[in-house]
């Protein structure tokens, strides 16, 4: 069942902040929770039927895993093959 990412927690200093935790709601069903970024990355990569999405500015975007050349994997949204920063537009918790 898909996860809707509903809020984020940022961590880091003034020059570079990153998403450390994400609040989510399971659709359908309404189960809620929050998880570290690494856990959501692992969940998305574990099975191709695991999906996550976010709503920002009345647009639903798919959450995907990015593997940079250096550093740990992170999450980003994509809409019509355009990378977006919709996760950063979500409320903080």
PDB file of N, CA and C in Angstrom:
ATOM      1  N   UNK A   1       0.838  -1.179   0.000  1.00  0.00           N
ATOM      2  CA  UNK A   1       0.000   0.000   0.000  1.00  0.00           C
ATOM      3  C   UNK A   1       0.884   1.243   0.000  1.00  0.00           C
ATOM      4  N   UNK A   2       0.520   2.236  -0.782  1.00  0.00           N
ATOM      5  CA  UNK A   2       1.337   3.441  -0.889  1.00  0.00           C
ATOM      6  C   UNK A   2       1.410   4.230   0.412  1.00  0.00           C
ATOM      7  N   UNK A   3       2.504   4.949   0.579  1.00  0.00           N
ATOM      8  CA  UNK A   3       2.671   5.872   1.699  1.00  0.00           C
ATOM      9  C   UNK A   3       2.560   7.292   1.170  1.00  0.00           C
ATOM     10  N   UNK A   4       1.770   8.103   1.850  1.00  0.00           N
ATOM     11  CA  UNK A   4       1.764   9.530   1.569  1.00  0.00           C
ATOM     12  C   UNK A   4       2.690  10.177   2.585  1.00  0.00           C
ATOM     13  N   UNK A   5       3.727  10.850   2.111  1.00  0.00           N
ATOM     14  CA  UNK A   5       4.634  11.578   2.994  1.00  0.00           C
ATOM     15  C   UNK A   5       3.932  12.884   3.358  1.00  0.00           C
ATOM     16  N   UNK A   6       3.740  13.126   4.659  1.00  0.00           N
ATOM     17  CA  UNK A   6       2.938  14.268   5.098  1.00  0.00           C
ATOM     18  C   UNK A   6       3.747  15.384   5.745  1.00  0.00           C
ATOM     19  N   UNK A   7       4.950  15.086   6.259  1.00  0.00           N
ATOM     20  CA  UNK A   7       5.784  16.103   6.895  1.00  0.00           C
ATOM     21  C   UNK A   7       7.218  15.582   6.970  1.00  0.00           C
ATOM     22  N   UNK A   8       8.151  16.508   7.174  1.00  0.00           N
ATOM     23  CA  UNK A   8       9.570  16.134   7.240  1.00  0.00           C
ATOM     24  C   UNK A   8      10.244  16.774   8.442  1.00  0.00           C
ATOM     25  N   UNK A   9      11.358  16.180   8.852  1.00  0.00           N
ATOM     26  CA  UNK A   9      12.225  16.780   9.865  1.00  0.00           C
ATOM     27  C   UNK A   9      13.592  16.978   9.220  1.00  0.00           C
ATOM     28  N   UNK A  10      14.132  18.179   9.344  1.00  0.00           N
ATOM     29  CA  UNK A  10      15.444  18.494   8.786  1.00  0.00           C
ATOM     30  C   UNK A  10      16.508  18.426   9.872  1.00  0.00           C
ATOM     31  N   UNK A  11      17.714  18.093   9.458  1.00  0.00           N
ATOM     32  CA  UNK A  11      18.851  18.008  10.365  1.00  0.00           C
ATOM     33  C   UNK A  11      20.059  18.591   9.650  1.00  0.00           C
ATOM     34  N   UNK A  12      20.996  19.112  10.408  1.00  0.00           N
ATOM     35  CA  UNK A  12      22.223  19.641   9.821  1.00  0.00           C
ATOM     36  C   UNK A  12      22.436  21.092  10.182  1.00  0.00           C
ATOM     37  N   UNK A  13      23.525  21.628   9.658  1.00  0.00           N
ATOM     38  CA  UNK A  13      23.919  22.988   9.973  1.00  0.00           C
ATOM     39  C   UNK A  13      23.355  24.003   9.013  1.00  0.00           C
ATOM     40  N   UNK A  14      23.825  25.250   9.121  1.00  0.00           N
ATOM     41  CA  UNK A  14      23.291  26.336   8.300  1.00  0.00           C
ATOM     42  C   UNK A  14      23.653  26.226   6.821  1.00  0.00           C
ATOM     43  N   UNK A  15      24.720  25.512   6.473  1.00  0.00           N
ATOM     44  CA  UNK A  15      25.114  25.436   5.066  1.00  0.00           C
ATOM     45  C   UNK A  15      24.517  24.236   4.336  1.00  0.00           C
ATOM     46  N   UNK A  16      24.189  23.188   5.075  1.00  0.00           N
ATOM     47  CA  UNK A  16      23.582  22.011   4.419  1.00  0.00           C
ATOM     48  C   UNK A  16      22.650  21.305   5.390  1.00  0.00           C
ATOM     49  N   UNK A  17      21.376  21.316   5.049  1.00  0.00           N
ATOM     50  CA  UNK A  17      20.376  20.605   5.850  1.00  0.00           C
ATOM     51  C   UNK A  17      19.829  19.480   5.001  1.00  0.00           C
ATOM     52  N   UNK A  18      19.486  18.389   5.631  1.00  0.00           N
ATOM     53  CA  UNK A  18      18.922  17.258   4.900  1.00  0.00           C
ATOM     54  C   UNK A  18      17.753  16.673   5.683  1.00  0.00           C
ATOM     55  N   UNK A  19      16.919  15.925   4.980  1.00  0.00           N
ATOM     56  CA  UNK A  19      15.762  15.292   5.603  1.00  0.00           C
ATOM     57  C   UNK A  19      16.256  14.109   6.428  1.00  0.00           C
ATOM     58  N   UNK A  20      15.919  14.104   7.712  1.00  0.00           N
ATOM     59  CA  UNK A  20      16.347  13.014   8.583  1.00  0.00           C
ATOM     60  C   UNK A  20      15.201  12.065   8.925  1.00  0.00           C
ATOM     61  N   UNK A  21      13.985  12.574   9.014  1.00  0.00           N
ATOM     62  CA  UNK A  21      12.811  11.741   9.320  1.00  0.00           C
ATOM     63  C   UNK A  21      11.631  12.208   8.476  1.00  0.00           C
ATOM     64  N   UNK A  22      10.703  11.291   8.240  1.00  0.00           N
ATOM     65  CA  UNK A  22       9.512  11.608   7.456  1.00  0.00           C
ATOM     66  C   UNK A  22       8.278  11.077   8.175  1.00  0.00           C
ATOM     67  N   UNK A  23       7.244  11.913   8.264  1.00  0.00           N
ATOM     68  CA  UNK A  23       5.951  11.448   8.742  1.00  0.00           C
ATOM     69  C   UNK A  23       5.187  10.932   7.539  1.00  0.00           C
ATOM     70  N   UNK A  24       4.362   9.908   7.749  1.00  0.00           N
ATOM     71  CA  UNK A  24       3.646   9.304   6.636  1.00  0.00           C
ATOM     72  C   UNK A  24       2.275   8.810   7.071  1.00  0.00           C
ATOM     73  N   UNK A  25       1.425   8.592   6.071  1.00  0.00           N
ATOM     74  CA  UNK A  25       0.104   7.997   6.246  1.00  0.00           C
ATOM     75  C   UNK A  25      -0.032   6.927   5.175  1.00  0.00           C
ATOM     76  N   UNK A  26      -0.422   5.735   5.587  1.00  0.00           N
ATOM     77  CA  UNK A  26      -0.604   4.629   4.632  1.00  0.00           C
ATOM     78  C   UNK A  26      -1.962   4.792   3.963  1.00  0.00           C
ATOM     79  N   UNK A  27      -1.967   4.729   2.637  1.00  0.00           N
ATOM     80  CA  UNK A  27      -3.189   4.857   1.850  1.00  0.00           C
ATOM     81  C   UNK A  27      -3.462   3.553   1.114  1.00  0.00           C
ATOM     82  N   UNK A  28      -4.645   2.987   1.166  1.00  0.00           N
ATOM     83  CA  UNK A  28      -5.736   3.356   2.074  1.00  0.00           C
ATOM     84  C   UNK A  28      -5.475   2.787   3.459  1.00  0.00           C
ATOM     85  N   UNK A  29      -6.334   3.094   4.373  1.00  0.00           N
ATOM     86  CA  UNK A  29      -6.229   2.541   5.717  1.00  0.00           C
ATOM     87  C   UNK A  29      -5.998   3.585   6.775  1.00  0.00           C
ATOM     88  N   UNK A  30      -5.189   4.593   6.481  1.00  0.00           N
ATOM     89  CA  UNK A  30      -5.001   5.691   7.400  1.00  0.00           C
ATOM     90  C   UNK A  30      -3.986   5.480   8.506  1.00  0.00           C
ATOM     91  N   UNK A  31      -3.288   4.324   8.525  1.00  0.00           N
ATOM     92  CA  UNK A  31      -2.237   4.122   9.533  1.00  0.00           C
ATOM     93  C   UNK A  31      -1.211   5.232   9.380  1.00  0.00           C
ATOM     94  N   UNK A  32      -0.724   5.782  10.514  1.00  0.00           N
ATOM     95  CA  UNK A  32       0.256   6.862  10.452  1.00  0.00           C
ATOM     96  C   UNK A  32       1.501   6.483  11.239  1.00  0.00           C
ATOM     97  N   UNK A  33       2.588   7.176  10.950  1.00  0.00           N
ATOM     98  CA  UNK A  33       3.823   6.949  11.667  1.00  0.00           C
ATOM     99  C   UNK A  33       4.889   7.904  11.199  1.00  0.00           C
ATOM    100  N   UNK A  34       6.084   7.741  11.739  1.00  0.00           N
ATOM    101  CA  UNK A  34       7.234   8.483  11.231  1.00  0.00           C
ATOM    102  C   UNK A  34       8.433   7.549  11.263  1.00  0.00           C
ATOM    103  N   UNK A  35       9.309   7.730  10.296  1.00  0.00           N
ATOM    104  CA  UNK A  35      10.451   6.832  10.115  1.00  0.00           C
ATOM    105  C   UNK A  35      11.678   7.620   9.706  1.00  0.00           C
ATOM    106  N   UNK A  36      12.871   7.093  10.024  1.00  0.00           N
ATOM    107  CA  UNK A  36      14.088   7.725   9.530  1.00  0.00           C
ATOM    108  C   UNK A  36      14.160   7.612   7.998  1.00  0.00           C
ATOM    109  N   UNK A  37      14.839   8.556   7.397  1.00  0.00           N
ATOM    110  CA  UNK A  37      15.002   8.561   5.944  1.00  0.00           C
ATOM    111  C   UNK A  37      15.522   7.224   5.444  1.00  0.00           C
ATOM    112  N   UNK A  38      16.517   6.654   6.124  1.00  0.00           N
ATOM    113  CA  UNK A  38      17.125   5.403   5.678  1.00  0.00           C
ATOM    114  C   UNK A  38      16.101   4.265   5.615  1.00  0.00           C
ATOM    115  N   UNK A  39      15.164   4.256   6.551  1.00  0.00           N
ATOM    116  CA  UNK A  39      14.144   3.210   6.563  1.00  0.00           C
ATOM    117  C   UNK A  39      13.200   3.338   5.370  1.00  0.00           C
ATOM    118  N   UNK A  40      12.824   4.564   5.019  1.00  0.00           N
ATOM    119  CA  UNK A  40      11.959   4.776   3.854  1.00  0.00           C
ATOM    120  C   UNK A  40      12.709   4.404   2.580  1.00  0.00           C
ATOM    121  N   UNK A  41      13.994   4.761   2.483  1.00  0.00           N
ATOM    122  CA  UNK A  41      14.812   4.371   1.331  1.00  0.00           C
ATOM    123  C   UNK A  41      14.816   2.855   1.191  1.00  0.00           C
ATOM    124  N   UNK A  42      15.079   2.154   2.276  1.00  0.00           N
ATOM    125  CA  UNK A  42      15.126   0.690   2.250  1.00  0.00           C
ATOM    126  C   UNK A  42      13.765   0.109   1.859  1.00  0.00           C
ATOM    127  N   UNK A  43      12.684   0.646   2.418  1.00  0.00           N
ATOM    128  CA  UNK A  43      11.334   0.164   2.114  1.00  0.00           C
ATOM    129  C   UNK A  43      11.014   0.330   0.628  1.00  0.00           C
ATOM    130  N   UNK A  44      11.349   1.487   0.052  1.00  0.00           N
ATOM    131  CA  UNK A  44      11.083   1.716  -1.372  1.00  0.00           C
ATOM    132  C   UNK A  44      11.895   0.785  -2.261  1.00  0.00           C
ATOM    133  N   UNK A  45      13.132   0.505  -1.877  1.00  0.00           N
ATOM    134  CA  UNK A  45      13.996  -0.328  -2.716  1.00  0.00           C
ATOM    135  C   UNK A  45      13.749  -1.828  -2.536  1.00  0.00           C
ATOM    136  N   UNK A  46      13.122  -2.209  -1.435  1.00  0.00           N
ATOM    137  CA  UNK A  46      12.912  -3.620  -1.131  1.00  0.00           C
ATOM    138  C   UNK A  46      11.952  -4.297  -2.106  1.00  0.00           C
ATOM    139  N   UNK A  47      10.967  -3.572  -2.595  1.00  0.00           N
ATOM    140  CA  UNK A  47       9.950  -4.173  -3.461  1.00  0.00           C
ATOM    141  C   UNK A  47       9.433  -3.117  -4.435  1.00  0.00           C
ATOM    142  N   UNK A  48       9.326  -3.475  -5.711  1.00  0.00           N
ATOM    143  CA  UNK A  48       8.897  -2.509  -6.728  1.00  0.00           C
ATOM    144  C   UNK A  48       7.448  -2.076  -6.554  1.00  0.00           C
ATOM    145  N   UNK A  49       6.656  -2.808  -5.767  1.00  0.00           N
ATOM    146  CA  UNK A  49       5.266  -2.389  -5.540  1.00  0.00           C
ATOM    147  C   UNK A  49       5.147  -1.414  -4.371  1.00  0.00           C
ATOM    148  N   UNK A  50       6.228  -1.182  -3.627  1.00  0.00           N
ATOM    149  CA  UNK A  50       6.212  -0.182  -2.560  1.00  0.00           C
ATOM    150  C   UNK A  50       6.336   1.191  -3.198  1.00  0.00           C
ATOM    151  N   UNK A  51       5.361   2.044  -2.958  1.00  0.00           N
ATOM    152  CA  UNK A  51       5.318   3.374  -3.558  1.00  0.00           C
ATOM    153  C   UNK A  51       5.101   4.431  -2.480  1.00  0.00           C
ATOM    154  N   UNK A  52       5.663   5.613  -2.710  1.00  0.00           N
ATOM    155  CA  UNK A  52       5.439   6.749  -1.822  1.00  0.00           C
ATOM    156  C   UNK A  52       5.161   7.972  -2.691  1.00  0.00           C
ATOM    157  N   UNK A  53       4.368   8.886  -2.142  1.00  0.00           N
ATOM    158  CA  UNK A  53       4.053  10.115  -2.867  1.00  0.00           C
ATOM    159  C   UNK A  53       3.918  11.253  -1.868  1.00  0.00           C
ATOM    160  N   UNK A  54       3.924  12.471  -2.400  1.00  0.00           N
ATOM    161  CA  UNK A  54       3.762  13.673  -1.590  1.00  0.00           C
ATOM    162  C   UNK A  54       2.830  14.625  -2.317  1.00  0.00           C
ATOM    163  N   UNK A  55       2.095  15.434  -1.549  1.00  0.00           N
ATOM    164  CA  UNK A  55       1.247  16.490  -2.106  1.00  0.00           C
ATOM    165  C   UNK A  55       1.868  17.823  -1.747  1.00  0.00           C
ATOM    166  N   UNK A  56       2.157  18.631  -2.745  1.00  0.00           N
ATOM    167  CA  UNK A  56       2.654  19.990  -2.520  1.00  0.00           C
ATOM    168  C   UNK A  56       2.093  20.880  -3.612  1.00  0.00           C
ATOM    169  N   UNK A  57       1.595  22.025  -3.218  1.00  0.00           N
ATOM    170  CA  UNK A  57       1.019  22.975  -4.179  1.00  0.00           C
ATOM    171  C   UNK A  57      -0.045  22.304  -5.033  1.00  0.00           C
ATOM    172  N   UNK A  58      -0.910  21.499  -4.416  1.00  0.00           N
ATOM    173  CA  UNK A  58      -2.006  20.800  -5.097  1.00  0.00           C
ATOM    174  C   UNK A  58      -1.538  19.856  -6.197  1.00  0.00           C
ATOM    175  N   UNK A  59      -0.292  19.391  -6.109  1.00  0.00           N
ATOM    176  CA  UNK A  59       0.254  18.458  -7.083  1.00  0.00           C
ATOM    177  C   UNK A  59       0.738  17.219  -6.351  1.00  0.00           C
ATOM    178  N   UNK A  60       0.368  16.043  -6.872  1.00  0.00           N
ATOM    179  CA  UNK A  60       0.871  14.796  -6.307  1.00  0.00           C
ATOM    180  C   UNK A  60       2.121  14.388  -7.071  1.00  0.00           C
ATOM    181  N   UNK A  61       3.196  14.127  -6.346  1.00  0.00           N
ATOM    182  CA  UNK A  61       4.447  13.720  -6.973  1.00  0.00           C
ATOM    183  C   UNK A  61       4.931  12.416  -6.363  1.00  0.00           C
ATOM    184  N   UNK A  62       5.619  11.635  -7.158  1.00  0.00           N
ATOM    185  CA  UNK A  62       6.164  10.360  -6.717  1.00  0.00           C
ATOM    186  C   UNK A  62       7.483  10.585  -6.007  1.00  0.00           C
ATOM    187  N   UNK A  63       7.682   9.871  -4.899  1.00  0.00           N
ATOM    188  CA  UNK A  63       8.937   9.941  -4.156  1.00  0.00           C
ATOM    189  C   UNK A  63       9.843   8.824  -4.661  1.00  0.00           C
ATOM    190  N   UNK A  64      11.070   9.171  -5.011  1.00  0.00           N
ATOM    191  CA  UNK A  64      12.025   8.200  -5.531  1.00  0.00           C
ATOM    192  C   UNK A  64      13.326   8.263  -4.725  1.00  0.00           C
ATOM    193  N   UNK A  65      14.139   7.235  -4.888  1.00  0.00           N
ATOM    194  CA  UNK A  65      15.436   7.162  -4.223  1.00  0.00           C
ATOM    195  C   UNK A  65      16.512   7.605  -5.202  1.00  0.00           C
ATOM    196  N   UNK A  66      17.398   8.479  -4.738  1.00  0.00           N
ATOM    197  CA  UNK A  66      18.523   8.955  -5.536  1.00  0.00           C
ATOM    198  C   UNK A  66      19.805   8.393  -4.923  1.00  0.00           C
ATOM    199  N   UNK A  67      20.677   7.844  -5.773  1.00  0.00           N
ATOM    200  CA  UNK A  67      21.974   7.336  -5.332  1.00  0.00           C
ATOM    201  C   UNK A  67      23.063   8.244  -5.896  1.00  0.00           C
ATOM    202  N   UNK A  68      23.554   9.197  -5.076  1.00  0.00           N
ATOM    203  CA  UNK A  68      24.600  10.100  -5.567  1.00  0.00           C
ATOM    204  C   UNK A  68      25.935   9.360  -5.689  1.00  0.00           C
ATOM    205  N   UNK A  69      26.863   9.951  -6.430  1.00  0.00           N
ATOM    206  CA  UNK A  69      28.194   9.351  -6.588  1.00  0.00           C
ATOM    207  C   UNK A  69      28.888   9.210  -5.236  1.00  0.00           C
ATOM    208  N   UNK A  70      28.645  10.156  -4.350  1.00  0.00           N
ATOM    209  CA  UNK A  70      29.217  10.107  -2.999  1.00  0.00           C
ATOM    210  C   UNK A  70      28.106  10.386  -2.007  1.00  0.00           C
ATOM    211  N   UNK A  71      28.169   9.760  -0.865  1.00  0.00           N
ATOM    212  CA  UNK A  71      27.188   9.990   0.186  1.00  0.00           C
ATOM    213  C   UNK A  71      26.065   8.974   0.155  1.00  0.00           C
ATOM    214  N   UNK A  72      25.214   9.027   1.184  1.00  0.00           N
ATOM    215  CA  UNK A  72      24.135   8.050   1.294  1.00  0.00           C
ATOM    216  C   UNK A  72      22.985   8.354   0.333  1.00  0.00           C
ATOM    217  N   UNK A  73      22.157   7.353   0.039  1.00  0.00           N
ATOM    218  CA  UNK A  73      20.978   7.599  -0.799  1.00  0.00           C
ATOM    219  C   UNK A  73      20.033   8.583  -0.097  1.00  0.00           C
ATOM    220  N   UNK A  74      19.281   9.304  -0.902  1.00  0.00           N
ATOM    221  CA  UNK A  74      18.309  10.239  -0.341  1.00  0.00           C
ATOM    222  C   UNK A  74      17.030  10.182  -1.159  1.00  0.00           C
ATOM    223  N   UNK A  75      16.012  10.884  -0.688  1.00  0.00           N
ATOM    224  CA  UNK A  75      14.701  10.873  -1.325  1.00  0.00           C
ATOM    225  C   UNK A  75      14.455  12.180  -2.047  1.00  0.00           C
ATOM    226  N   UNK A  76      13.757  12.074  -3.171  1.00  0.00           N
ATOM    227  CA  UNK A  76      13.424  13.241  -3.978  1.00  0.00           C
ATOM    228  C   UNK A  76      12.123  12.940  -4.696  1.00  0.00           C
ATOM    229  N   UNK A  77      11.418  13.975  -5.095  1.00  0.00           N
ATOM    230  CA  UNK A  77      10.181  13.759  -5.846  1.00  0.00           C
ATOM    231  C   UNK A  77      10.427  13.980  -7.330  1.00  0.00           C
ATOM    232  N   UNK A  78       9.596  13.330  -8.130  1.00  0.00           N
ATOM    233  CA  UNK A  78       9.671  13.496  -9.577  1.00  0.00           C
ATOM    234  C   UNK A  78       8.240  13.561 -10.107  1.00  0.00           C
ATOM    235  N   UNK A  79       8.003  14.495 -11.013  1.00  0.00           N
ATOM    236  CA  UNK A  79       6.685  14.678 -11.623  1.00  0.00           C
ATOM    237  C   UNK A  79       6.892  14.847 -13.113  1.00  0.00           C
ATOM    238  N   UNK A  80       6.331  13.960 -13.889  1.00  0.00           N
ATOM    239  CA  UNK A  80       6.492  14.008 -15.349  1.00  0.00           C
ATOM    240  C   UNK A  80       7.956  14.095 -15.738  1.00  0.00           C
ATOM    241  N   UNK A  81       8.777  13.264 -15.092  1.00  0.00           N
ATOM    242  CA  UNK A  81      10.213  13.154 -15.354  1.00  0.00           C
ATOM    243  C   UNK A  81      11.002  14.421 -15.015  1.00  0.00           C
ATOM    244  N   UNK A  82      10.397  15.314 -14.230  1.00  0.00           N
ATOM    245  CA  UNK A  82      11.073  16.527 -13.786  1.00  0.00           C
ATOM    246  C   UNK A  82      11.352  16.397 -12.298  1.00  0.00           C
ATOM    247  N   UNK A  83      12.639  16.467 -11.908  1.00  0.00           N
ATOM    248  CA  UNK A  83      12.992  16.404 -10.498  1.00  0.00           C
ATOM    249  C   UNK A  83      12.492  17.660  -9.823  1.00  0.00           C
ATOM    250  N   UNK A  84      11.877  17.474  -8.661  1.00  0.00           N
ATOM    251  CA  UNK A  84      11.327  18.608  -7.913  1.00  0.00           C
ATOM    252  C   UNK A  84      11.743  18.496  -6.458  1.00  0.00           C
ATOM    253  N   UNK A  85      11.583  19.571  -5.720  1.00  0.00           N
ATOM    254  CA  UNK A  85      11.900  19.573  -4.296  1.00  0.00           C
ATOM    255  C   UNK A  85      10.622  19.641  -3.462  1.00  0.00           C
ATOM    256  N   UNK A  86       9.584  18.900  -3.864  1.00  0.00           N
ATOM    257  CA  UNK A  86       8.311  18.960  -3.158  1.00  0.00           C
ATOM    258  C   UNK A  86       8.405  18.495  -1.710  1.00  0.00           C
ATOM    259  N   UNK A  87       9.314  17.596  -1.387  1.00  0.00           N
ATOM    260  CA  UNK A  87       9.447  17.180   0.008  1.00  0.00           C
ATOM    261  C   UNK A  87       9.817  18.360   0.894  1.00  0.00           C
ATOM    262  N   UNK A  88      10.617  19.284   0.375  1.00  0.00           N
ATOM    263  CA  UNK A  88      11.020  20.450   1.158  1.00  0.00           C
ATOM    264  C   UNK A  88       9.885  21.442   1.348  1.00  0.00           C
ATOM    265  N   UNK A  89       8.813  21.290   0.600  1.00  0.00           N
ATOM    266  CA  UNK A  89       7.634  22.170   0.740  1.00  0.00           C
ATOM    267  C   UNK A  89       6.642  21.651   1.768  1.00  0.00           C
ATOM    268  N   UNK A  90       6.880  20.438   2.291  1.00  0.00           N
ATOM    269  CA  UNK A  90       5.967  19.861   3.273  1.00  0.00           C
ATOM    270  C   UNK A  90       6.166  20.496   4.642  1.00  0.00           C
ATOM    271  N   UNK A  91       5.145  20.394   5.506  1.00  0.00           N
ATOM    272  CA  UNK A  91       5.287  20.901   6.875  1.00  0.00           C
ATOM    273  C   UNK A  91       6.416  20.202   7.626  1.00  0.00           C
ATOM    274  N   UNK A  92       6.930  20.859   8.659  1.00  0.00           N
ATOM    275  CA  UNK A  92       7.980  20.301   9.512  1.00  0.00           C
ATOM    276  C   UNK A  92       7.334  19.704  10.768  1.00  0.00           C
ATOM    277  N   UNK A  93       7.993  18.717  11.336  1.00  0.00           N
ATOM    278  CA  UNK A  93       7.534  18.177  12.627  1.00  0.00           C
ATOM    279  C   UNK A  93       8.731  17.983  13.547  1.00  0.00           C
TER     280      UNK A  93
END
